[in-house]
Amino acid sequence: MGIEGVEKRYALLLACKDSEYVKEVYGGYFNLFVETFGEKGERWDLFRVVEGKFPEKNELEKYDGFVVSGSPFDAYGNDCWILKLCNLLKTLDAMRKKVLGICFGHQVLCRALGGKVGKASSGWDIGLRKVRIVKDISPCAILDDLDDFPPALSIIECHQDEVWEVPVGAEVIAFSDKTGVEMFTFGDHILGIQGHPEYTKDILNNLIDRLLNTSCIEKGFADDARLKLQIAERDRKCWERICKMFLKGR
């Protein structure tokens, strides 16, 4: 429960359809996100924005925070639902609502706020990636306890697009040897993460199979990605803590 017993309320803006594997094992991506970021006593609502289902404008004030998921779609695309999502994110920014963007969500947040996104010049990034947290920056209003975290954390990645340029006023707080913007903040209410803190090894293995079967990636690339999937539980817990610190202000 929140302050004075008020129930905390969050919304997942789901930008992808549930895979058969995730439905069978986890009951859908919504359950996976709530299991990762949710806590007892909170209410979480699902809006399948990829299917054109959005919260009503007069409902937005009821929420303490929003999470935008990953997606197979391009964040720079002009599909109607993506444009509508960009407008919603601009509204949430104006309201100074907490918004956490994951992968596609990270990229579309950047676009909505005036940054630039596009195809990664170095191609796909699939598997485990070591991300370096920038600690010698001005104090981060969102994550003022960054010093408590290791200087580098591994995270599961699966993307071929990336942030080219963050919005004016945004701050890059993590990078890797492949992607220049692994994490950015904007004000004290926006956080974008390129990797997938909610993913587990089995989910990515299934996704690699699907990408391989649809000829999106080659077998050698897929085999190499699988070899890098030994993520430490400590790192997963750190990413979970970072997201919860942001969404819940602690």
Protein backbone atom coordinates (compact mmCIF):
# COMPACT_ATOMS: atom_id res chain seq x y z
CA MET A 1 0.00 0.00 0.00
CA GLY A 2 1.13 3.57 -0.63
CA ILE A 3 1.07 6.59 1.66
CA GLU A 4 -1.76 6.48 4.23
CA GLY A 5 -2.94 3.12 2.90
CA VAL A 6 -3.54 4.33 -0.68
CA GLU A 7 -3.02 1.49 -3.17
CA LYS A 8 -0.16 2.04 -5.61
CA ARG A 9 -1.30 1.61 -9.20
CA TYR A 10 0.82 0.90 -12.28
CA ALA A 11 0.14 0.18 -15.95
CA LEU A 12 1.99 -2.00 -18.44
CA LEU A 13 1.82 -0.62 -21.99
CA LEU A 14 2.41 -3.87 -23.86
CA ALA A 15 3.92 -3.25 -27.29
CA CYS A 16 4.18 -6.89 -28.37
CA LYS A 17 1.96 -9.92 -28.62
CA ASP A 18 2.50 -12.81 -26.22
CA SER A 19 4.60 -15.59 -27.69
CA GLU A 20 3.23 -19.11 -27.37
CA TYR A 21 6.16 -19.99 -25.10
CA VAL A 22 5.61 -17.07 -22.71
CA LYS A 23 1.87 -17.77 -22.60
CA GLU A 24 2.49 -21.43 -21.78
CA VAL A 25 5.23 -20.92 -19.18
CA TYR A 26 4.39 -17.53 -17.62
CA GLY A 27 0.77 -16.94 -18.61
CA GLY A 28 1.80 -13.95 -20.77
CA TYR A 29 4.25 -11.04 -20.66
CA PHE A 30 2.02 -9.15 -18.24
CA ASN A 31 2.60 -11.78 -15.55
CA LEU A 32 6.33 -11.69 -16.23
CA PHE A 33 6.53 -7.90 -15.79
CA VAL A 34 4.42 -7.93 -12.62
CA GLU A 35 6.52 -10.78 -11.20
CA THR A 36 9.70 -8.77 -11.90
CA PHE A 37 8.65 -5.25 -10.94
CA GLY A 38 5.51 -5.62 -8.85
CA GLU A 39 5.11 -5.90 -5.10
CA LYS A 40 2.40 -7.05 -2.72
CA GLY A 41 -0.43 -4.54 -2.26
CA GLU A 42 -0.05 -2.92 -5.68
CA ARG A 43 -2.50 -2.91 -8.58
CA TRP A 44 -1.18 -3.48 -12.11
CA ASP A 45 -3.29 -2.95 -15.24
CA LEU A 46 -2.58 -4.15 -18.78
CA PHE A 47 -3.05 -2.10 -21.95
CA ARG A 48 -2.19 -3.90 -25.18
CA VAL A 49 -1.11 -0.80 -27.07
CA VAL A 50 0.15 -2.95 -29.97
CA GLU A 51 -3.52 -3.82 -30.52
CA GLY A 52 -4.62 -0.19 -30.19
CA LYS A 53 -5.81 -0.50 -26.57
CA PHE A 54 -4.80 2.58 -24.56
CA PRO A 55 -5.78 4.05 -21.19
CA GLU A 56 -8.32 6.85 -21.33
CA LYS A 57 -6.87 10.32 -20.81
CA ASN A 58 -9.02 10.89 -17.73
CA GLU A 59 -7.58 7.72 -16.15
CA LEU A 60 -3.90 8.72 -16.38
CA GLU A 61 -3.84 10.66 -13.11
CA LYS A 62 -4.80 7.50 -11.22
CA TYR A 63 -1.47 5.82 -12.00
CA ASP A 64 1.78 6.08 -10.07
CA GLY A 65 3.83 4.82 -12.99
CA PHE A 66 3.89 3.21 -16.42
CA VAL A 67 6.11 0.58 -18.05
CA VAL A 68 6.53 0.38 -21.84
CA SER A 69 7.59 -3.08 -23.00
CA GLY A 70 9.81 -4.30 -25.80
CA SER A 71 8.43 -4.97 -29.28
CA PRO A 72 9.38 -6.49 -32.65
CA PHE A 73 8.23 -3.20 -34.25
CA ASP A 74 10.52 -0.26 -35.01
CA ALA A 75 10.26 2.62 -32.54
CA TYR A 76 10.79 5.01 -35.48
CA GLY A 77 7.91 3.47 -37.45
CA ASN A 78 4.73 5.34 -38.30
CA ASP A 79 2.14 2.68 -37.49
CA CYS A 80 -0.96 4.34 -36.02
CA TRP A 81 -0.51 2.72 -32.61
CA ILE A 82 3.14 3.82 -32.41
CA LEU A 83 2.22 7.43 -33.20
CA LYS A 84 -0.57 7.26 -30.62
CA LEU A 85 1.89 5.83 -28.08
CA CYS A 86 4.31 8.71 -28.77
CA ASN A 87 1.51 11.18 -28.07
CA LEU A 88 0.61 9.36 -24.85
CA LEU A 89 4.24 9.47 -23.71
CA LYS A 90 4.38 13.21 -24.39
CA THR A 91 1.29 13.62 -22.23
CA LEU A 92 2.78 11.53 -19.42
CA ASP A 93 5.97 13.59 -19.61
CA ALA A 94 3.94 16.80 -19.28
CA MET A 95 2.19 15.27 -16.26
CA ARG A 96 5.60 14.21 -14.87
CA LYS A 97 4.38 10.65 -14.48
CA LYS A 98 6.99 7.95 -13.89
CA VAL A 99 7.65 6.05 -17.13
CA LEU A 100 10.06 3.12 -17.49
CA GLY A 101 10.89 2.08 -21.05
CA ILE A 102 12.39 -1.34 -21.84
CA CYS A 103 14.13 -1.99 -25.22
CA PHE A 104 11.52 -0.70 -27.74
CA GLY A 105 10.04 1.26 -24.83
CA HIS A 106 13.45 2.88 -24.21
CA GLN A 107 13.69 3.83 -27.88
CA VAL A 108 10.11 5.09 -28.31
CA LEU A 109 10.45 7.20 -25.15
CA CYS A 110 13.52 8.79 -26.70
CA ARG A 111 11.65 9.48 -29.94
CA ALA A 112 8.61 10.94 -28.19
CA LEU A 113 10.79 13.33 -26.18
CA GLY A 114 12.64 14.63 -29.23
CA GLY A 115 15.63 12.28 -29.53
CA LYS A 116 16.66 10.16 -32.51
CA VAL A 117 16.46 6.39 -32.95
CA GLY A 118 17.25 4.06 -35.83
CA LYS A 119 18.93 0.85 -36.96
CA ALA A 120 22.12 -0.02 -35.09
CA SER A 121 25.10 0.39 -37.41
CA SER A 122 26.71 -2.72 -35.92
CA GLY A 123 23.61 -4.91 -36.40
CA TRP A 124 21.83 -7.21 -33.98
CA ASP A 125 22.78 -7.46 -30.33
CA ILE A 126 21.47 -10.74 -28.88
CA GLY A 127 22.63 -12.40 -25.70
CA LEU A 128 24.42 -11.13 -22.65
CA ARG A 129 26.04 -7.68 -22.71
CA LYS A 130 28.16 -6.02 -20.03
CA VAL A 131 26.82 -2.53 -19.37
CA ARG A 132 28.93 0.12 -17.68
CA ILE A 133 27.16 2.54 -15.35
CA VAL A 134 28.35 6.15 -15.53
CA LYS A 135 29.00 7.33 -11.99
CA ASP A 136 31.01 10.49 -12.60
CA ILE A 137 28.01 12.53 -13.77
CA SER A 138 25.92 15.14 -12.03
CA PRO A 139 23.74 13.64 -9.28
CA CYS A 140 20.99 11.55 -10.83
CA ALA A 141 17.63 12.57 -9.38
CA ILE A 142 16.10 9.22 -10.33
CA LEU A 143 18.81 6.94 -9.02
CA ASP A 144 20.72 8.78 -6.32
CA ASP A 145 22.13 5.51 -5.00
CA LEU A 146 24.00 4.46 -8.16
CA ASP A 147 27.19 4.24 -6.11
CA ASP A 148 25.67 1.23 -4.36
CA PHE A 149 25.79 -0.76 -7.62
CA PRO A 150 28.80 -2.44 -9.26
CA PRO A 151 30.46 -0.36 -12.03
CA ALA A 152 29.36 -2.92 -14.64
CA LEU A 153 26.34 -5.22 -14.84
CA SER A 154 25.41 -7.89 -17.39
CA ILE A 155 21.95 -7.73 -18.97
CA ILE A 156 20.13 -9.76 -21.62
CA GLU A 157 19.82 -7.87 -24.91
CA CYS A 158 17.79 -8.52 -28.06
CA HIS A 159 17.63 -5.59 -30.47
CA GLN A 160 18.72 -4.34 -33.87
CA ASP A 161 17.66 -0.71 -33.32
CA GLU A 162 19.15 1.77 -30.89
CA VAL A 163 19.04 5.32 -29.59
CA TRP A 164 21.17 7.52 -31.83
CA GLU A 165 20.74 10.73 -29.88
CA VAL A 166 19.05 11.34 -26.52
CA PRO A 167 16.55 14.21 -26.12
CA VAL A 168 17.85 17.61 -25.10
CA GLY A 169 18.13 17.61 -21.31
CA ALA A 170 18.43 13.82 -21.04
CA GLU A 171 21.43 12.15 -19.43
CA VAL A 172 23.13 8.93 -20.53
CA ILE A 173 23.85 6.90 -17.40
CA ALA A 174 24.99 3.59 -18.93
CA PHE A 175 26.73 2.38 -22.10
CA SER A 176 28.36 -0.75 -23.52
CA ASP A 177 31.03 -1.52 -26.08
CA LYS A 178 28.24 -2.08 -28.65
CA THR A 179 25.57 0.46 -27.74
CA GLY A 180 26.29 4.04 -26.73
CA VAL A 181 23.01 4.58 -24.91
CA GLU A 182 22.17 1.57 -22.75
CA MET A 183 20.30 3.66 -20.18
CA PHE A 184 19.15 7.27 -20.01
CA THR A 185 17.20 9.50 -17.67
CA PHE A 186 15.07 12.54 -18.39
CA GLY A 187 14.13 14.73 -15.46
CA ASP A 188 13.20 12.74 -12.39
CA HIS A 189 10.39 10.80 -14.05
CA ILE A 190 11.73 9.05 -17.18
CA LEU A 191 14.08 6.06 -17.34
CA GLY A 192 14.98 4.10 -20.46
CA ILE A 193 16.85 0.77 -20.45
CA GLN A 194 17.94 -0.85 -23.73
CA GLY A 195 18.34 -4.34 -22.27
CA HIS A 196 15.70 -6.64 -20.79
CA PRO A 197 15.78 -6.78 -16.98
CA GLU A 198 12.61 -8.89 -17.08
CA TYR A 199 14.02 -11.58 -19.39
CA THR A 200 15.24 -14.97 -18.23
CA LYS A 201 17.63 -17.26 -20.08
CA ASP A 202 14.81 -19.58 -21.24
CA ILE A 203 12.80 -16.71 -22.74
CA LEU A 204 15.75 -15.49 -24.78
CA ASN A 205 16.59 -19.02 -25.93
CA ASN A 206 13.04 -19.37 -27.24
CA LEU A 207 13.26 -15.96 -28.93
CA ILE A 208 16.56 -16.95 -30.59
CA ASP A 209 14.83 -20.08 -31.94
CA ARG A 210 12.03 -17.97 -33.43
CA LEU A 211 14.46 -15.48 -35.02
CA LEU A 212 16.48 -18.36 -36.46
CA ASN A 213 13.38 -20.13 -37.82
CA THR A 214 12.22 -16.94 -39.56
CA SER A 215 15.71 -16.32 -41.03
CA CYS A 216 16.15 -13.05 -39.12
CA ILE A 217 19.53 -14.28 -37.86
CA GLU A 218 22.01 -16.94 -39.00
CA LYS A 219 22.78 -20.16 -37.13
CA GLY A 220 26.35 -19.15 -36.25
CA PHE A 221 25.11 -15.90 -34.76
CA ALA A 222 22.42 -17.77 -32.79
CA ASP A 223 24.92 -20.31 -31.43
CA ASP A 224 27.26 -17.52 -30.34
CA ALA A 225 24.41 -15.70 -28.58
CA ARG A 226 23.47 -18.84 -26.63
CA LEU A 227 27.04 -19.28 -25.41
CA LYS A 228 26.92 -15.84 -23.75
CA LEU A 229 23.81 -16.50 -21.71
CA GLN A 230 25.34 -17.19 -18.32
CA ILE A 231 23.85 -14.20 -16.50
CA ALA A 232 24.67 -13.94 -12.83
CA GLU A 233 21.68 -13.89 -10.48
CA ARG A 234 23.32 -10.95 -8.70
CA ASP A 235 23.12 -8.88 -11.87
CA ARG A 236 19.45 -9.75 -12.47
CA LYS A 237 18.64 -8.68 -8.92
CA CYS A 238 20.54 -5.41 -9.40
CA TRP A 239 18.54 -4.56 -12.54
CA GLU A 240 15.31 -5.46 -10.76
CA ARG A 241 16.31 -3.15 -7.90
CA ILE A 242 17.18 -0.28 -10.26
CA CYS A 243 13.74 -0.51 -11.91
CA LYS A 244 11.91 -0.73 -8.59
CA MET A 245 13.90 2.19 -7.13
CA PHE A 246 12.82 4.29 -10.09
CA LEU A 247 9.16 3.29 -10.22
CA LYS A 248 8.58 3.43 -6.48
CA GLY A 249 10.94 6.23 -5.48
CA ARG A 250 13.12 4.14 -3.19
